[in-house]
PDB file of N, CA and C in Angstrom:
ATOM      1  N   UNK A   1       0.842  -1.104  -0.068  1.00  0.00           N
ATOM      2  CA  UNK A   1      -0.021  -0.053  -0.007  1.00  0.00           C
ATOM      3  C   UNK A   1       0.849   1.248  -0.058  1.00  0.00           C
ATOM      4  N   UNK A   2       0.584   2.163  -0.853  1.00  0.00           N
ATOM      5  CA  UNK A   2       1.319   3.406  -0.908  1.00  0.00           C
ATOM      6  C   UNK A   2       1.066   4.336   0.368  1.00  0.00           C
ATOM      7  N   UNK A   3       1.953   5.125   0.667  1.00  0.00           N
ATOM      8  CA  UNK A   3       1.867   6.026   1.740  1.00  0.00           C
ATOM      9  C   UNK A   3       1.058   7.232   1.214  1.00  0.00           C
ATOM     10  N   UNK A   4      -0.039   7.547   1.946  1.00  0.00           N
ATOM     11  CA  UNK A   4      -0.907   8.822   1.687  1.00  0.00           C
ATOM     12  C   UNK A   4      -1.583   9.172   3.007  1.00  0.00           C
ATOM     13  N   UNK A   5      -2.154  10.365   2.893  1.00  0.00           N
ATOM     14  CA  UNK A   5      -2.921  10.922   3.880  1.00  0.00           C
ATOM     15  C   UNK A   5      -4.349  10.296   3.947  1.00  0.00           C
ATOM     16  N   UNK A   6      -4.669   9.505   2.999  1.00  0.00           N
ATOM     17  CA  UNK A   6      -6.035   8.780   2.969  1.00  0.00           C
ATOM     18  C   UNK A   6      -6.260   7.902   4.132  1.00  0.00           C
ATOM     19  N   UNK A   7      -7.502   7.719   4.439  1.00  0.00           N
ATOM     20  CA  UNK A   7      -7.795   6.673   5.533  1.00  0.00           C
ATOM     21  C   UNK A   7      -8.747   5.667   4.934  1.00  0.00           C
ATOM     22  N   UNK A   8      -8.280   4.391   4.935  1.00  0.00           N
ATOM     23  CA  UNK A   8      -9.127   3.403   4.331  1.00  0.00           C
ATOM     24  C   UNK A   8      -9.922   2.784   5.502  1.00  0.00           C
ATOM     25  N   UNK A   9     -11.195   2.638   5.229  1.00  0.00           N
ATOM     26  CA  UNK A   9     -12.049   2.102   6.311  1.00  0.00           C
ATOM     27  C   UNK A   9     -12.720   0.824   5.804  1.00  0.00           C
ATOM     28  N   UNK A  10     -13.128   0.050   6.849  1.00  0.00           N
ATOM     29  CA  UNK A  10     -13.916  -1.160   6.590  1.00  0.00           C
ATOM     30  C   UNK A  10     -15.217  -1.114   7.425  1.00  0.00           C
ATOM     31  N   UNK A  11     -16.325  -1.471   6.709  1.00  0.00           N
ATOM     32  CA  UNK A  11     -17.569  -1.410   7.423  1.00  0.00           C
ATOM     33  C   UNK A  11     -18.606  -2.138   6.741  1.00  0.00           C
ATOM     34  N   UNK A  12     -19.886  -2.028   7.178  1.00  0.00           N
ATOM     35  CA  UNK A  12     -21.082  -2.687   6.521  1.00  0.00           C
ATOM     36  C   UNK A  12     -21.431  -1.932   5.220  1.00  0.00           C
ATOM     37  N   UNK A  13     -21.508  -2.595   4.138  1.00  0.00           N
ATOM     38  CA  UNK A  13     -21.987  -1.972   2.859  1.00  0.00           C
ATOM     39  C   UNK A  13     -23.415  -1.331   3.023  1.00  0.00           C
ATOM     40  N   UNK A  14     -23.597  -0.204   2.601  1.00  0.00           N
ATOM     41  CA  UNK A  14     -24.871   0.506   2.546  1.00  0.00           C
ATOM     42  C   UNK A  14     -25.583   0.037   1.397  1.00  0.00           C
ATOM     43  N   UNK A  15     -26.695  -0.606   1.750  1.00  0.00           N
ATOM     44  CA  UNK A  15     -27.583  -1.212   0.564  1.00  0.00           C
ATOM     45  C   UNK A  15     -29.033  -0.770   0.697  1.00  0.00           C
ATOM     46  N   UNK A  16     -29.449  -0.076   1.708  1.00  0.00           N
ATOM     47  CA  UNK A  16     -30.843   0.287   1.937  1.00  0.00           C
ATOM     48  C   UNK A  16     -31.144   1.358   0.824  1.00  0.00           C
ATOM     49  N   UNK A  17     -32.182   1.169  -0.038  1.00  0.00           N
ATOM     50  CA  UNK A  17     -32.485   2.065  -1.081  1.00  0.00           C
ATOM     51  C   UNK A  17     -32.770   3.426  -0.747  1.00  0.00           C
ATOM     52  N   UNK A  18     -33.320   3.786   0.454  1.00  0.00           N
ATOM     53  CA  UNK A  18     -33.571   5.048   0.860  1.00  0.00           C
ATOM     54  C   UNK A  18     -32.242   5.712   1.309  1.00  0.00           C
ATOM     55  N   UNK A  19     -31.304   5.085   1.938  1.00  0.00           N
ATOM     56  CA  UNK A  19     -30.059   5.590   2.314  1.00  0.00           C
ATOM     57  C   UNK A  19     -29.217   5.895   1.085  1.00  0.00           C
ATOM     58  N   UNK A  20     -29.178   5.005   0.146  1.00  0.00           N
ATOM     59  CA  UNK A  20     -28.439   5.137  -1.131  1.00  0.00           C
ATOM     60  C   UNK A  20     -28.901   6.280  -1.807  1.00  0.00           C
ATOM     61  N   UNK A  21     -30.316   6.567  -1.894  1.00  0.00           N
ATOM     62  CA  UNK A  21     -30.896   7.615  -2.585  1.00  0.00           C
ATOM     63  C   UNK A  21     -30.573   8.972  -2.123  1.00  0.00           C
ATOM     64  N   UNK A  22     -30.063   9.029  -0.780  1.00  0.00           N
ATOM     65  CA  UNK A  22     -29.614  10.389  -0.143  1.00  0.00           C
ATOM     66  C   UNK A  22     -28.231  10.723  -0.562  1.00  0.00           C
ATOM     67  N   UNK A  23     -27.376   9.765  -1.168  1.00  0.00           N
ATOM     68  CA  UNK A  23     -26.057  10.022  -1.430  1.00  0.00           C
ATOM     69  C   UNK A  23     -25.972  10.950  -2.623  1.00  0.00           C
ATOM     70  N   UNK A  24     -24.968  11.839  -2.584  1.00  0.00           N
ATOM     71  CA  UNK A  24     -24.914  12.789  -3.721  1.00  0.00           C
ATOM     72  C   UNK A  24     -23.314  12.850  -4.251  1.00  0.00           C
ATOM     73  N   UNK A  25     -23.257  13.255  -5.473  1.00  0.00           N
ATOM     74  CA  UNK A  25     -21.925  13.346  -6.067  1.00  0.00           C
ATOM     75  C   UNK A  25     -21.290  12.007  -6.052  1.00  0.00           C
ATOM     76  N   UNK A  26     -21.901  10.890  -6.312  1.00  0.00           N
ATOM     77  CA  UNK A  26     -21.250   9.529  -6.432  1.00  0.00           C
ATOM     78  C   UNK A  26     -20.468   9.375  -7.703  1.00  0.00           C
ATOM     79  N   UNK A  27     -19.188   8.984  -7.578  1.00  0.00           N
ATOM     80  CA  UNK A  27     -18.321   8.779  -8.723  1.00  0.00           C
ATOM     81  C   UNK A  27     -18.363   7.352  -9.034  1.00  0.00           C
ATOM     82  N   UNK A  28     -18.046   6.976 -10.432  1.00  0.00           N
ATOM     83  CA  UNK A  28     -17.975   5.622 -10.802  1.00  0.00           C
ATOM     84  C   UNK A  28     -17.003   5.009  -9.970  1.00  0.00           C
ATOM     85  N   UNK A  29     -17.185   3.808  -9.556  1.00  0.00           N
ATOM     86  CA  UNK A  29     -16.248   3.069  -8.692  1.00  0.00           C
ATOM     87  C   UNK A  29     -16.313   3.221  -7.250  1.00  0.00           C
ATOM     88  N   UNK A  30     -17.153   4.158  -6.905  1.00  0.00           N
ATOM     89  CA  UNK A  30     -17.301   4.381  -5.370  1.00  0.00           C
ATOM     90  C   UNK A  30     -18.323   3.543  -4.811  1.00  0.00           C
ATOM     91  N   UNK A  31     -18.013   3.112  -3.572  1.00  0.00           N
ATOM     92  CA  UNK A  31     -19.138   2.362  -2.657  1.00  0.00           C
ATOM     93  C   UNK A  31     -18.976   2.955  -1.387  1.00  0.00           C
ATOM     94  N   UNK A  32     -19.955   2.509  -0.572  1.00  0.00           N
ATOM     95  CA  UNK A  32     -20.194   3.167   0.785  1.00  0.00           C
ATOM     96  C   UNK A  32     -20.355   2.192   1.854  1.00  0.00           C
ATOM     97  N   UNK A  33     -19.876   2.535   2.988  1.00  0.00           N
ATOM     98  CA  UNK A  33     -19.914   1.580   4.056  1.00  0.00           C
ATOM     99  C   UNK A  33     -20.527   2.369   5.315  1.00  0.00           C
ATOM    100  N   UNK A  34     -21.065   1.695   6.181  1.00  0.00           N
ATOM    101  CA  UNK A  34     -21.544   2.303   7.460  1.00  0.00           C
ATOM    102  C   UNK A  34     -20.594   2.010   8.562  1.00  0.00           C
ATOM    103  N   UNK A  35     -20.102   3.073   9.259  1.00  0.00           N
ATOM    104  CA  UNK A  35     -19.175   2.807  10.390  1.00  0.00           C
ATOM    105  C   UNK A  35     -19.880   3.415  11.619  1.00  0.00           C
ATOM    106  N   UNK A  36     -19.887   2.594  12.743  1.00  0.00           N
ATOM    107  CA  UNK A  36     -20.481   3.149  14.008  1.00  0.00           C
ATOM    108  C   UNK A  36     -19.780   4.470  14.433  1.00  0.00           C
ATOM    109  N   UNK A  37     -20.583   5.410  14.754  1.00  0.00           N
ATOM    110  CA  UNK A  37     -20.044   6.688  15.132  1.00  0.00           C
ATOM    111  C   UNK A  37     -18.954   6.736  16.257  1.00  0.00           C
ATOM    112  N   UNK A  38     -19.190   5.758  17.219  1.00  0.00           N
ATOM    113  CA  UNK A  38     -18.369   5.671  18.452  1.00  0.00           C
ATOM    114  C   UNK A  38     -16.991   5.247  18.009  1.00  0.00           C
ATOM    115  N   UNK A  39     -16.917   4.333  16.881  1.00  0.00           N
ATOM    116  CA  UNK A  39     -15.580   3.953  16.364  1.00  0.00           C
ATOM    117  C   UNK A  39     -14.772   5.121  15.773  1.00  0.00           C
ATOM    118  N   UNK A  40     -15.555   6.017  15.131  1.00  0.00           N
ATOM    119  CA  UNK A  40     -14.731   7.220  14.543  1.00  0.00           C
ATOM    120  C   UNK A  40     -14.282   8.170  15.565  1.00  0.00           C
ATOM    121  N   UNK A  41     -15.092   8.300  16.685  1.00  0.00           N
ATOM    122  CA  UNK A  41     -14.756   9.361  17.686  1.00  0.00           C
ATOM    123  C   UNK A  41     -13.680   8.871  18.566  1.00  0.00           C
ATOM    124  N   UNK A  42     -13.677   7.544  18.758  1.00  0.00           N
ATOM    125  CA  UNK A  42     -12.688   6.922  19.681  1.00  0.00           C
ATOM    126  C   UNK A  42     -11.307   6.549  19.052  1.00  0.00           C
ATOM    127  N   UNK A  43     -11.315   6.216  17.711  1.00  0.00           N
ATOM    128  CA  UNK A  43     -10.227   5.646  17.093  1.00  0.00           C
ATOM    129  C   UNK A  43      -9.702   6.452  15.738  1.00  0.00           C
ATOM    130  N   UNK A  44     -10.353   7.445  15.351  1.00  0.00           N
ATOM    131  CA  UNK A  44      -9.904   8.173  14.114  1.00  0.00           C
ATOM    132  C   UNK A  44      -8.691   8.990  14.588  1.00  0.00           C
ATOM    133  N   UNK A  45      -7.723   9.036  13.619  1.00  0.00           N
ATOM    134  CA  UNK A  45      -6.501   9.884  13.921  1.00  0.00           C
ATOM    135  C   UNK A  45      -6.911  11.328  14.182  1.00  0.00           C
ATOM    136  N   UNK A  46      -6.201  12.057  15.093  1.00  0.00           N
ATOM    137  CA  UNK A  46      -6.431  13.394  15.468  1.00  0.00           C
ATOM    138  C   UNK A  46      -5.292  14.064  14.959  1.00  0.00           C
ATOM    139  N   UNK A  47      -5.606  15.374  14.403  1.00  0.00           N
ATOM    140  CA  UNK A  47      -4.420  16.144  13.978  1.00  0.00           C
ATOM    141  C   UNK A  47      -4.294  17.358  14.877  1.00  0.00           C
TER     142      UNK A  47
END
């Protein structure tokens, strides 16, 4: 894996039609995952 400032995440794929319909500016090749908020607030890198 190349070094970058990007963060790669793993989560449950968003498949609910209503949730997907709310997504905007989706590019070809993009997919979406759901991550529990508490994981981000506890473990996300802080700058």
